[in-house]
Protein backbone atom coordinates (compact mmCIF):
# COMPACT_ATOMS: atom_id res chain seq x y z
CA UNK A 1 0.00 0.00 0.00
CA UNK A 2 1.42 3.36 -1.04
CA UNK A 3 0.54 7.02 -0.78
CA UNK A 4 0.99 9.18 -3.88
CA UNK A 5 3.19 12.20 -3.12
CA UNK A 6 3.95 13.62 -6.56
CA UNK A 7 3.11 13.05 -10.22
CA UNK A 8 5.86 13.48 -12.79
CA UNK A 9 6.61 12.74 -16.45
CA UNK A 10 8.03 9.29 -15.65
CA UNK A 11 5.15 8.25 -13.41
CA UNK A 12 3.89 8.71 -9.86
CA UNK A 13 6.22 9.13 -6.88
CA UNK A 14 4.93 7.36 -3.79
CA UNK A 15 5.83 6.35 -0.24
CA UNK A 16 5.42 2.75 0.93
CA UNK A 17 3.23 2.98 4.04
CA UNK A 18 4.12 -0.50 5.29
CA UNK A 19 7.88 0.08 4.98
CA UNK A 20 8.58 3.21 6.99
CA UNK A 21 7.52 5.53 4.14
CA UNK A 22 10.47 4.75 1.88
CA UNK A 23 10.10 6.18 -1.62
CA UNK A 24 9.17 4.32 -4.77
CA UNK A 25 7.74 5.02 -8.20
CA UNK A 26 4.80 3.69 -10.18
CA UNK A 27 6.14 3.80 -13.72
CA UNK A 28 3.95 5.42 -16.35
CA UNK A 29 3.75 2.15 -18.30
CA UNK A 30 2.63 0.32 -15.14
CA UNK A 31 -0.30 2.57 -14.24
CA UNK A 32 -2.94 0.94 -16.43
CA UNK A 33 -3.44 -1.84 -18.96
CA UNK A 34 -5.36 0.58 -21.14
CA UNK A 35 -4.06 3.50 -23.13
CA UNK A 36 -3.29 6.41 -20.81
CA UNK A 37 -4.97 9.63 -21.87
CA UNK A 38 -4.58 11.48 -18.58
CA UNK A 39 -2.40 10.34 -15.69
CA UNK A 40 -4.44 12.45 -13.28
CA UNK A 41 -7.47 10.25 -13.91
CA UNK A 42 -5.53 7.18 -12.77
CA UNK A 43 -3.68 8.51 -9.72
CA UNK A 44 -3.91 11.63 -7.59
CA UNK A 45 -1.66 13.17 -4.98
CA UNK A 46 -2.43 12.01 -1.40
CA UNK A 47 -4.49 9.09 -2.66
CA UNK A 48 -3.75 5.58 -1.36
CA UNK A 49 -3.07 2.91 -3.99
CA UNK A 50 -2.46 -0.84 -3.98
CA UNK A 51 0.63 -1.75 -6.00
CA UNK A 52 3.05 -4.59 -6.71
CA UNK A 53 6.84 -4.38 -6.38
CA UNK A 54 8.40 -5.33 -9.73
CA UNK A 55 12.04 -4.22 -9.31
CA UNK A 56 14.37 -3.16 -6.51
CA UNK A 57 17.77 -1.57 -7.17
CA UNK A 58 19.54 -1.57 -3.81
CA UNK A 59 22.59 0.31 -5.09
CA UNK A 60 20.64 3.24 -6.53
CA UNK A 61 17.79 2.97 -4.04
CA UNK A 62 15.11 2.62 -6.72
CA UNK A 63 11.87 0.72 -6.12
CA UNK A 64 9.73 0.27 -9.23
CA UNK A 65 6.07 -0.46 -8.66
CA UNK A 66 3.10 -1.52 -10.77
CA UNK A 67 -0.57 -0.75 -10.40
CA UNK A 68 -1.77 -2.53 -13.53
CA UNK A 69 -0.41 -5.92 -12.42
CA UNK A 70 -2.56 -5.95 -9.27
CA UNK A 71 -5.67 -8.15 -9.45
CA UNK A 72 -8.96 -6.80 -8.00
CA UNK A 73 -9.09 -9.71 -5.52
CA UNK A 74 -5.62 -8.80 -4.26
CA UNK A 75 -6.74 -5.22 -3.64
CA UNK A 76 -9.41 -6.38 -1.17
CA UNK A 77 -7.02 -8.76 0.61
CA UNK A 78 -4.28 -6.15 0.82
CA UNK A 79 -6.59 -3.47 2.21
CA UNK A 80 -7.95 -5.89 4.81
CA UNK A 81 -4.45 -6.95 5.87
CA UNK A 82 -3.27 -3.34 6.06
CA UNK A 83 -6.28 -2.19 8.10
CA UNK A 84 -5.78 -5.06 10.55
CA UNK A 85 -2.09 -4.26 10.96
CA UNK A 86 -2.87 -0.56 11.34
CA UNK A 87 -5.34 -1.28 14.16
CA UNK A 88 -2.83 -3.54 15.95
CA UNK A 89 -0.09 -0.92 15.60
CA UNK A 90 -2.42 1.74 17.00
CA UNK A 91 -3.17 -0.33 20.10
CA UNK A 92 0.41 -1.37 20.78
CA UNK A 93 1.93 2.07 20.15
CA UNK A 94 -0.61 3.74 22.47
CA UNK A 95 -0.07 1.22 25.27
CA UNK A 96 3.72 1.32 24.85
CA UNK A 97 3.70 5.11 25.15
CA UNK A 98 1.39 5.14 28.19
CA UNK A 99 3.59 2.55 29.94
CA UNK A 100 6.87 4.24 28.97
CA UNK A 101 7.99 1.22 26.91
CA UNK A 102 9.71 0.88 23.57
CA UNK A 103 7.23 -0.21 20.92
CA UNK A 104 9.61 -2.94 19.75
CA UNK A 105 9.79 -4.37 23.28
CA UNK A 106 6.00 -4.51 23.54
CA UNK A 107 5.78 -6.17 20.12
CA UNK A 108 8.29 -8.81 21.24
CA UNK A 109 6.42 -9.36 24.50
CA UNK A 110 2.83 -9.30 23.17
CA UNK A 111 2.40 -8.59 19.45
CA UNK A 112 4.62 -11.22 17.85
CA UNK A 113 3.57 -14.06 20.20
CA UNK A 114 -0.10 -13.29 19.40
CA UNK A 115 0.67 -13.44 15.67
CA UNK A 116 2.28 -16.85 16.19
CA UNK A 117 -0.57 -18.12 18.36
CA UNK A 118 -3.64 -16.75 16.54
CA UNK A 119 -2.36 -16.13 13.01
CA UNK A 120 -2.84 -12.37 13.43
CA UNK A 121 -2.75 -10.17 16.52
CA UNK A 122 -5.93 -8.45 15.28
CA UNK A 123 -7.83 -11.75 15.50
CA UNK A 124 -6.57 -12.14 19.07
CA UNK A 125 -7.73 -8.62 19.91
CA UNK A 126 -11.21 -9.40 18.55
CA UNK A 127 -11.36 -12.44 20.83
CA UNK A 128 -10.36 -10.20 23.72
CA UNK A 129 -13.51 -8.15 23.16
CA UNK A 130 -15.50 -11.18 24.39
CA UNK A 131 -13.44 -11.79 27.54
CA UNK A 132 -16.46 -10.79 29.64
CA UNK A 133 -18.36 -13.82 28.34
CA UNK A 134 -19.17 -16.83 30.53
CA UNK A 135 -16.21 -18.80 29.17
CA UNK A 136 -13.70 -16.17 28.02
CA UNK A 137 -10.49 -16.98 26.15
CA UNK A 138 -7.47 -15.39 27.81
CA UNK A 139 -5.37 -14.34 24.82
CA UNK A 140 -2.48 -13.45 27.14
CA UNK A 141 -2.22 -16.93 28.68
CA UNK A 142 1.39 -18.08 28.65
CA UNK A 143 2.77 -14.59 27.93
CA UNK A 144 5.05 -12.67 30.27
CA UNK A 145 2.58 -9.82 30.79
CA UNK A 146 1.93 -8.04 34.09
CA UNK A 147 -1.63 -7.55 35.30
CA UNK A 148 -1.32 -3.78 34.90
CA UNK A 149 -0.09 -4.06 31.30
CA UNK A 150 -2.77 -6.64 30.51
CA UNK A 151 -5.51 -4.35 31.83
CA UNK A 152 -4.15 -1.40 29.83
CA UNK A 153 -4.15 -3.51 26.67
CA UNK A 154 -7.70 -4.76 27.24
CA UNK A 155 -8.98 -1.26 27.98
CA UNK A 156 -7.56 0.23 24.79
CA UNK A 157 -8.50 -2.80 22.67
CA UNK A 158 -12.13 -2.34 23.71
CA UNK A 159 -11.94 1.39 23.04
CA UNK A 160 -10.26 0.99 19.64
CA UNK A 161 -11.95 -2.13 18.23
CA UNK A 162 -15.40 -2.24 19.82
CA UNK A 163 -18.18 -2.04 17.18
CA UNK A 164 -19.50 1.49 16.81
CA UNK A 165 -23.28 2.07 16.95
CA UNK A 166 -24.96 2.65 13.59
CA UNK A 167 -27.80 5.14 13.21
CA UNK A 168 -30.34 4.55 10.43
CA UNK A 169 -32.85 7.23 9.46
CA UNK A 170 -35.88 6.99 7.20
CA UNK A 171 -38.50 9.58 6.28
CA UNK A 172 -41.89 7.87 6.07
CA UNK A 173 -45.36 8.96 5.01
CA UNK A 174 -48.22 7.68 7.17
CA UNK A 175 -51.86 8.20 6.18
CA UNK A 176 -55.18 6.66 7.17
CA UNK A 177 -58.45 7.24 5.30
CA UNK A 178 -60.71 5.22 7.60
CA UNK A 179 -62.91 6.48 10.43
CA UNK A 180 -60.16 5.97 13.05
CA UNK A 181 -57.90 8.46 11.24
CA UNK A 182 -55.42 10.15 13.57
CA UNK A 183 -56.02 7.65 16.37
CA UNK A 184 -55.08 4.75 14.08
CA UNK A 185 -51.88 6.51 13.01
CA UNK A 186 -50.96 7.29 16.62
CA UNK A 187 -51.57 3.67 17.65
CA UNK A 188 -49.48 2.31 14.77
CA UNK A 189 -46.54 4.62 15.47
CA UNK A 190 -46.68 3.93 19.21
CA UNK A 191 -46.57 0.18 18.57
CA UNK A 192 -43.58 0.77 16.31
CA UNK A 193 -41.69 2.52 19.10
CA UNK A 194 -42.65 -0.26 21.53
CA UNK A 195 -40.73 -2.71 19.32
CA UNK A 196 -37.59 -0.89 20.43
CA UNK A 197 -35.16 -3.06 22.35
CA UNK A 198 -31.67 -3.00 23.80
CA UNK A 199 -30.17 -4.04 20.45
CA UNK A 200 -32.26 -1.67 18.34
CA UNK A 201 -33.66 1.59 19.67
CA UNK A 202 -36.54 2.89 17.54
CA UNK A 203 -37.74 6.50 17.69
CA UNK A 204 -40.44 8.13 15.57
CA UNK A 205 -41.01 11.88 15.39
CA UNK A 206 -43.39 14.09 13.44
CA UNK A 207 -41.95 16.33 10.72
CA UNK A 208 -45.23 17.67 9.31
CA UNK A 209 -48.34 15.57 8.57
CA UNK A 210 -48.24 13.08 6.91
CA UNK A 211 -44.40 12.93 7.10
CA UNK A 212 -42.57 11.31 10.01
CA UNK A 213 -38.93 10.49 10.63
CA UNK A 214 -37.98 7.10 12.06
CA UNK A 215 -34.50 6.49 13.48
CA UNK A 216 -32.94 3.22 14.61
CA UNK A 217 -29.77 2.93 16.66
CA UNK A 218 -28.11 -0.49 16.50
C-alpha atoms as a PDB file:
ATOM      1  CA  UNK A   1       0.000   0.000   0.000  1.00  0.00           C
ATOM      2  CA  UNK A   2       1.424   3.361  -1.035  1.00  0.00           C
ATOM      3  CA  UNK A   3       0.535   7.019  -0.776  1.00  0.00           C
ATOM      4  CA  UNK A   4       0.991   9.179  -3.884  1.00  0.00           C
ATOM      5  CA  UNK A   5       3.188  12.198  -3.116  1.00  0.00           C
ATOM      6  CA  UNK A   6       3.953  13.617  -6.558  1.00  0.00           C
ATOM      7  CA  UNK A   7       3.108  13.053 -10.223  1.00  0.00           C
ATOM      8  CA  UNK A   8       5.863  13.483 -12.794  1.00  0.00           C
ATOM      9  CA  UNK A   9       6.607  12.740 -16.447  1.00  0.00           C
ATOM     10  CA  UNK A  10       8.028   9.288 -15.651  1.00  0.00           C
ATOM     11  CA  UNK A  11       5.154   8.253 -13.408  1.00  0.00           C
ATOM     12  CA  UNK A  12       3.894   8.706  -9.862  1.00  0.00           C
ATOM     13  CA  UNK A  13       6.219   9.131  -6.880  1.00  0.00           C
ATOM     14  CA  UNK A  14       4.930   7.357  -3.785  1.00  0.00           C
ATOM     15  CA  UNK A  15       5.832   6.353  -0.238  1.00  0.00           C
ATOM     16  CA  UNK A  16       5.419   2.753   0.932  1.00  0.00           C
ATOM     17  CA  UNK A  17       3.232   2.978   4.036  1.00  0.00           C
ATOM     18  CA  UNK A  18       4.125  -0.501   5.286  1.00  0.00           C
ATOM     19  CA  UNK A  19       7.875   0.079   4.981  1.00  0.00           C
ATOM     20  CA  UNK A  20       8.583   3.210   6.987  1.00  0.00           C
ATOM     21  CA  UNK A  21       7.521   5.534   4.138  1.00  0.00           C
ATOM     22  CA  UNK A  22      10.473   4.748   1.878  1.00  0.00           C
ATOM     23  CA  UNK A  23      10.104   6.184  -1.625  1.00  0.00           C
ATOM     24  CA  UNK A  24       9.168   4.317  -4.769  1.00  0.00           C
ATOM     25  CA  UNK A  25       7.737   5.018  -8.203  1.00  0.00           C
ATOM     26  CA  UNK A  26       4.795   3.688 -10.182  1.00  0.00           C
ATOM     27  CA  UNK A  27       6.135   3.797 -13.724  1.00  0.00           C
ATOM     28  CA  UNK A  28       3.946   5.421 -16.351  1.00  0.00           C
ATOM     29  CA  UNK A  29       3.754   2.152 -18.302  1.00  0.00           C
ATOM     30  CA  UNK A  30       2.628   0.323 -15.141  1.00  0.00           C
ATOM     31  CA  UNK A  31      -0.299   2.567 -14.245  1.00  0.00           C
ATOM     32  CA  UNK A  32      -2.939   0.940 -16.432  1.00  0.00           C
ATOM     33  CA  UNK A  33      -3.445  -1.842 -18.956  1.00  0.00           C
ATOM     34  CA  UNK A  34      -5.361   0.577 -21.140  1.00  0.00           C
ATOM     35  CA  UNK A  35      -4.062   3.505 -23.129  1.00  0.00           C
ATOM     36  CA  UNK A  36      -3.292   6.406 -20.807  1.00  0.00           C
ATOM     37  CA  UNK A  37      -4.975   9.629 -21.869  1.00  0.00           C
ATOM     38  CA  UNK A  38      -4.584  11.477 -18.579  1.00  0.00           C
ATOM     39  CA  UNK A  39      -2.399  10.336 -15.692  1.00  0.00           C
ATOM     40  CA  UNK A  40      -4.439  12.453 -13.276  1.00  0.00           C
ATOM     41  CA  UNK A  41      -7.474  10.250 -13.905  1.00  0.00           C
ATOM     42  CA  UNK A  42      -5.527   7.182 -12.770  1.00  0.00           C
ATOM     43  CA  UNK A  43      -3.677   8.515  -9.717  1.00  0.00           C
ATOM     44  CA  UNK A  44      -3.910  11.627  -7.593  1.00  0.00           C
ATOM     45  CA  UNK A  45      -1.660  13.171  -4.978  1.00  0.00           C
ATOM     46  CA  UNK A  46      -2.430  12.013  -1.404  1.00  0.00           C
ATOM     47  CA  UNK A  47      -4.492   9.086  -2.663  1.00  0.00           C
ATOM     48  CA  UNK A  48      -3.750   5.582  -1.359  1.00  0.00           C
ATOM     49  CA  UNK A  49      -3.067   2.910  -3.986  1.00  0.00           C
ATOM     50  CA  UNK A  50      -2.459  -0.841  -3.975  1.00  0.00           C
ATOM     51  CA  UNK A  51       0.629  -1.753  -6.000  1.00  0.00           C
ATOM     52  CA  UNK A  52       3.049  -4.595  -6.708  1.00  0.00           C
ATOM     53  CA  UNK A  53       6.838  -4.383  -6.382  1.00  0.00           C
ATOM     54  CA  UNK A  54       8.397  -5.334  -9.726  1.00  0.00           C
ATOM     55  CA  UNK A  55      12.035  -4.216  -9.309  1.00  0.00           C
ATOM     56  CA  UNK A  56      14.370  -3.158  -6.508  1.00  0.00           C
ATOM     57  CA  UNK A  57      17.765  -1.565  -7.174  1.00  0.00           C
ATOM     58  CA  UNK A  58      19.539  -1.567  -3.806  1.00  0.00           C
ATOM     59  CA  UNK A  59      22.592   0.312  -5.088  1.00  0.00           C
ATOM     60  CA  UNK A  60      20.641   3.241  -6.530  1.00  0.00           C
ATOM     61  CA  UNK A  61      17.787   2.975  -4.040  1.00  0.00           C
ATOM     62  CA  UNK A  62      15.111   2.615  -6.722  1.00  0.00           C
ATOM     63  CA  UNK A  63      11.871   0.724  -6.122  1.00  0.00           C
ATOM     64  CA  UNK A  64       9.733   0.271  -9.232  1.00  0.00           C
ATOM     65  CA  UNK A  65       6.065  -0.460  -8.661  1.00  0.00           C
ATOM     66  CA  UNK A  66       3.103  -1.523 -10.773  1.00  0.00           C
ATOM     67  CA  UNK A  67      -0.570  -0.753 -10.403  1.00  0.00           C
ATOM     68  CA  UNK A  68      -1.772  -2.533 -13.534  1.00  0.00           C
ATOM     69  CA  UNK A  69      -0.408  -5.920 -12.418  1.00  0.00           C
ATOM     70  CA  UNK A  70      -2.557  -5.948  -9.274  1.00  0.00           C
ATOM     71  CA  UNK A  71      -5.669  -8.155  -9.451  1.00  0.00           C
ATOM     72  CA  UNK A  72      -8.955  -6.801  -8.001  1.00  0.00           C
ATOM     73  CA  UNK A  73      -9.085  -9.710  -5.518  1.00  0.00           C
ATOM     74  CA  UNK A  74      -5.616  -8.801  -4.259  1.00  0.00           C
ATOM     75  CA  UNK A  75      -6.744  -5.217  -3.644  1.00  0.00           C
ATOM     76  CA  UNK A  76      -9.407  -6.378  -1.170  1.00  0.00           C
ATOM     77  CA  UNK A  77      -7.022  -8.760   0.613  1.00  0.00           C
ATOM     78  CA  UNK A  78      -4.276  -6.148   0.816  1.00  0.00           C
ATOM     79  CA  UNK A  79      -6.593  -3.470   2.207  1.00  0.00           C
ATOM     80  CA  UNK A  80      -7.952  -5.894   4.805  1.00  0.00           C
ATOM     81  CA  UNK A  81      -4.450  -6.947   5.866  1.00  0.00           C
ATOM     82  CA  UNK A  82      -3.271  -3.338   6.062  1.00  0.00           C
ATOM     83  CA  UNK A  83      -6.283  -2.189   8.100  1.00  0.00           C
ATOM     84  CA  UNK A  84      -5.780  -5.056  10.551  1.00  0.00           C
ATOM     85  CA  UNK A  85      -2.088  -4.262  10.956  1.00  0.00           C
ATOM     86  CA  UNK A  86      -2.873  -0.560  11.344  1.00  0.00           C
ATOM     87  CA  UNK A  87      -5.345  -1.284  14.156  1.00  0.00           C
ATOM     88  CA  UNK A  88      -2.834  -3.537  15.950  1.00  0.00           C
ATOM     89  CA  UNK A  89      -0.094  -0.918  15.599  1.00  0.00           C
ATOM     90  CA  UNK A  90      -2.421   1.743  16.997  1.00  0.00           C
ATOM     91  CA  UNK A  91      -3.175  -0.326  20.102  1.00  0.00           C
ATOM     92  CA  UNK A  92       0.412  -1.370  20.777  1.00  0.00           C
ATOM     93  CA  UNK A  93       1.930   2.074  20.154  1.00  0.00           C
ATOM     94  CA  UNK A  94      -0.607   3.744  22.473  1.00  0.00           C
ATOM     95  CA  UNK A  95      -0.074   1.217  25.275  1.00  0.00           C
ATOM     96  CA  UNK A  96       3.718   1.324  24.848  1.00  0.00           C
ATOM     97  CA  UNK A  97       3.701   5.109  25.154  1.00  0.00           C
ATOM     98  CA  UNK A  98       1.393   5.137  28.187  1.00  0.00           C
ATOM     99  CA  UNK A  99       3.592   2.546  29.941  1.00  0.00           C
ATOM    100  CA  UNK A 100       6.873   4.242  28.971  1.00  0.00           C
ATOM    101  CA  UNK A 101       7.985   1.221  26.915  1.00  0.00           C
ATOM    102  CA  UNK A 102       9.713   0.875  23.570  1.00  0.00           C
ATOM    103  CA  UNK A 103       7.231  -0.215  20.917  1.00  0.00           C
ATOM    104  CA  UNK A 104       9.607  -2.942  19.749  1.00  0.00           C
ATOM    105  CA  UNK A 105       9.793  -4.366  23.280  1.00  0.00           C
ATOM    106  CA  UNK A 106       5.996  -4.513  23.543  1.00  0.00           C
ATOM    107  CA  UNK A 107       5.782  -6.168  20.121  1.00  0.00           C
ATOM    108  CA  UNK A 108       8.288  -8.807  21.241  1.00  0.00           C
ATOM    109  CA  UNK A 109       6.417  -9.356  24.501  1.00  0.00           C
ATOM    110  CA  UNK A 110       2.828  -9.301  23.166  1.00  0.00           C
ATOM    111  CA  UNK A 111       2.404  -8.590  19.454  1.00  0.00           C
ATOM    112  CA  UNK A 112       4.617 -11.221  17.847  1.00  0.00           C
ATOM    113  CA  UNK A 113       3.565 -14.059  20.197  1.00  0.00           C
ATOM    114  CA  UNK A 114      -0.095 -13.286  19.397  1.00  0.00           C
ATOM    115  CA  UNK A 115       0.675 -13.437  15.667  1.00  0.00           C
ATOM    116  CA  UNK A 116       2.277 -16.850  16.188  1.00  0.00           C
ATOM    117  CA  UNK A 117      -0.572 -18.124  18.362  1.00  0.00           C
ATOM    118  CA  UNK A 118      -3.637 -16.751  16.541  1.00  0.00           C
ATOM    119  CA  UNK A 119      -2.358 -16.129  13.007  1.00  0.00           C
ATOM    120  CA  UNK A 120      -2.838 -12.373  13.426  1.00  0.00           C
ATOM    121  CA  UNK A 121      -2.754 -10.169  16.517  1.00  0.00           C
ATOM    122  CA  UNK A 122      -5.927  -8.453  15.282  1.00  0.00           C
ATOM    123  CA  UNK A 123      -7.832 -11.751  15.503  1.00  0.00           C
ATOM    124  CA  UNK A 124      -6.574 -12.144  19.073  1.00  0.00           C
ATOM    125  CA  UNK A 125      -7.735  -8.619  19.907  1.00  0.00           C
ATOM    126  CA  UNK A 126     -11.208  -9.398  18.546  1.00  0.00           C
ATOM    127  CA  UNK A 127     -11.356 -12.443  20.826  1.00  0.00           C
ATOM    128  CA  UNK A 128     -10.360 -10.197  23.725  1.00  0.00           C
ATOM    129  CA  UNK A 129     -13.512  -8.147  23.162  1.00  0.00           C
ATOM    130  CA  UNK A 130     -15.499 -11.179  24.388  1.00  0.00           C
ATOM    131  CA  UNK A 131     -13.442 -11.787  27.535  1.00  0.00           C
ATOM    132  CA  UNK A 132     -16.457 -10.791  29.636  1.00  0.00           C
ATOM    133  CA  UNK A 133     -18.361 -13.821  28.336  1.00  0.00           C
ATOM    134  CA  UNK A 134     -19.171 -16.831  30.527  1.00  0.00           C
ATOM    135  CA  UNK A 135     -16.205 -18.801  29.166  1.00  0.00           C
ATOM    136  CA  UNK A 136     -13.698 -16.165  28.019  1.00  0.00           C
ATOM    137  CA  UNK A 137     -10.488 -16.982  26.154  1.00  0.00           C
ATOM    138  CA  UNK A 138      -7.467 -15.388  27.809  1.00  0.00           C
ATOM    139  CA  UNK A 139      -5.366 -14.338  24.821  1.00  0.00           C
ATOM    140  CA  UNK A 140      -2.478 -13.447  27.139  1.00  0.00           C
ATOM    141  CA  UNK A 141      -2.217 -16.926  28.684  1.00  0.00           C
ATOM    142  CA  UNK A 142       1.393 -18.078  28.648  1.00  0.00           C
ATOM    143  CA  UNK A 143       2.774 -14.594  27.934  1.00  0.00           C
ATOM    144  CA  UNK A 144       5.049 -12.673  30.267  1.00  0.00           C
ATOM    145  CA  UNK A 145       2.583  -9.820  30.794  1.00  0.00           C
ATOM    146  CA  UNK A 146       1.928  -8.041  34.086  1.00  0.00           C
ATOM    147  CA  UNK A 147      -1.635  -7.554  35.301  1.00  0.00           C
ATOM    148  CA  UNK A 148      -1.321  -3.780  34.895  1.00  0.00           C
ATOM    149  CA  UNK A 149      -0.092  -4.060  31.305  1.00  0.00           C
ATOM    150  CA  UNK A 150      -2.769  -6.644  30.514  1.00  0.00           C
ATOM    151  CA  UNK A 151      -5.514  -4.348  31.833  1.00  0.00           C
ATOM    152  CA  UNK A 152      -4.149  -1.405  29.833  1.00  0.00           C
ATOM    153  CA  UNK A 153      -4.151  -3.508  26.673  1.00  0.00           C
ATOM    154  CA  UNK A 154      -7.701  -4.762  27.236  1.00  0.00           C
ATOM    155  CA  UNK A 155      -8.976  -1.258  27.978  1.00  0.00           C
ATOM    156  CA  UNK A 156      -7.557   0.226  24.794  1.00  0.00           C
ATOM    157  CA  UNK A 157      -8.500  -2.797  22.673  1.00  0.00           C
ATOM    158  CA  UNK A 158     -12.134  -2.335  23.711  1.00  0.00           C
ATOM    159  CA  UNK A 159     -11.936   1.393  23.042  1.00  0.00           C
ATOM    160  CA  UNK A 160     -10.263   0.992  19.643  1.00  0.00           C
ATOM    161  CA  UNK A 161     -11.945  -2.125  18.228  1.00  0.00           C
ATOM    162  CA  UNK A 162     -15.398  -2.235  19.820  1.00  0.00           C
ATOM    163  CA  UNK A 163     -18.185  -2.035  17.181  1.00  0.00           C
ATOM    164  CA  UNK A 164     -19.503   1.489  16.807  1.00  0.00           C
ATOM    165  CA  UNK A 165     -23.282   2.075  16.945  1.00  0.00           C
ATOM    166  CA  UNK A 166     -24.957   2.654  13.592  1.00  0.00           C
ATOM    167  CA  UNK A 167     -27.799   5.142  13.208  1.00  0.00           C
ATOM    168  CA  UNK A 168     -30.339   4.550  10.435  1.00  0.00           C
ATOM    169  CA  UNK A 169     -32.847   7.233   9.457  1.00  0.00           C
ATOM    170  CA  UNK A 170     -35.885   6.992   7.205  1.00  0.00           C
ATOM    171  CA  UNK A 171     -38.502   9.583   6.278  1.00  0.00           C
ATOM    172  CA  UNK A 172     -41.894   7.873   6.071  1.00  0.00           C
ATOM    173  CA  UNK A 173     -45.357   8.958   5.006  1.00  0.00           C
ATOM    174  CA  UNK A 174     -48.217   7.678   7.165  1.00  0.00           C
ATOM    175  CA  UNK A 175     -51.858   8.200   6.176  1.00  0.00           C
ATOM    176  CA  UNK A 176     -55.176   6.662   7.168  1.00  0.00           C
ATOM    177  CA  UNK A 177     -58.446   7.241   5.297  1.00  0.00           C
ATOM    178  CA  UNK A 178     -60.710   5.222   7.601  1.00  0.00           C
ATOM    179  CA  UNK A 179     -62.912   6.480  10.434  1.00  0.00           C
ATOM    180  CA  UNK A 180     -60.160   5.970  13.055  1.00  0.00           C
ATOM    181  CA  UNK A 181     -57.902   8.457  11.241  1.00  0.00           C
ATOM    182  CA  UNK A 182     -55.416  10.154  13.565  1.00  0.00           C
ATOM    183  CA  UNK A 183     -56.016   7.648  16.371  1.00  0.00           C
ATOM    184  CA  UNK A 184     -55.079   4.750  14.084  1.00  0.00           C
ATOM    185  CA  UNK A 185     -51.880   6.512  13.014  1.00  0.00           C
ATOM    186  CA  UNK A 186     -50.965   7.288  16.615  1.00  0.00           C
ATOM    187  CA  UNK A 187     -51.574   3.673  17.650  1.00  0.00           C
ATOM    188  CA  UNK A 188     -49.484   2.308  14.769  1.00  0.00           C
ATOM    189  CA  UNK A 189     -46.543   4.616  15.470  1.00  0.00           C
ATOM    190  CA  UNK A 190     -46.679   3.927  19.211  1.00  0.00           C
ATOM    191  CA  UNK A 191     -46.572   0.184  18.574  1.00  0.00           C
ATOM    192  CA  UNK A 192     -43.583   0.766  16.315  1.00  0.00           C
ATOM    193  CA  UNK A 193     -41.689   2.522  19.100  1.00  0.00           C
ATOM    194  CA  UNK A 194     -42.652  -0.259  21.529  1.00  0.00           C
ATOM    195  CA  UNK A 195     -40.732  -2.706  19.324  1.00  0.00           C
ATOM    196  CA  UNK A 196     -37.595  -0.888  20.428  1.00  0.00           C
ATOM    197  CA  UNK A 197     -35.164  -3.058  22.353  1.00  0.00           C
ATOM    198  CA  UNK A 198     -31.669  -3.004  23.799  1.00  0.00           C
ATOM    199  CA  UNK A 199     -30.174  -4.043  20.450  1.00  0.00           C
ATOM    200  CA  UNK A 200     -32.260  -1.670  18.341  1.00  0.00           C
ATOM    201  CA  UNK A 201     -33.656   1.589  19.671  1.00  0.00           C
ATOM    202  CA  UNK A 202     -36.535   2.893  17.543  1.00  0.00           C
ATOM    203  CA  UNK A 203     -37.741   6.502  17.693  1.00  0.00           C
ATOM    204  CA  UNK A 204     -40.442   8.130  15.573  1.00  0.00           C
ATOM    205  CA  UNK A 205     -41.014  11.884  15.388  1.00  0.00           C
ATOM    206  CA  UNK A 206     -43.387  14.090  13.443  1.00  0.00           C
ATOM    207  CA  UNK A 207     -41.952  16.332  10.720  1.00  0.00           C
ATOM    208  CA  UNK A 208     -45.227  17.665   9.305  1.00  0.00           C
ATOM    209  CA  UNK A 209     -48.335  15.573   8.570  1.00  0.00           C
ATOM    210  CA  UNK A 210     -48.236  13.083   6.913  1.00  0.00           C
ATOM    211  CA  UNK A 211     -44.397  12.928   7.097  1.00  0.00           C
ATOM    212  CA  UNK A 212     -42.573  11.315  10.012  1.00  0.00           C
ATOM    213  CA  UNK A 213     -38.930  10.486  10.635  1.00  0.00           C
ATOM    214  CA  UNK A 214     -37.977   7.096  12.059  1.00  0.00           C
ATOM    215  CA  UNK A 215     -34.497   6.486  13.480  1.00  0.00           C
ATOM    216  CA  UNK A 216     -32.939   3.218  14.610  1.00  0.00           C
ATOM    217  CA  UNK A 217     -29.765   2.932  16.661  1.00  0.00           C
ATOM    218  CA  UNK A 218     -28.114  -0.490  16.500  1.00  0.00           C
END
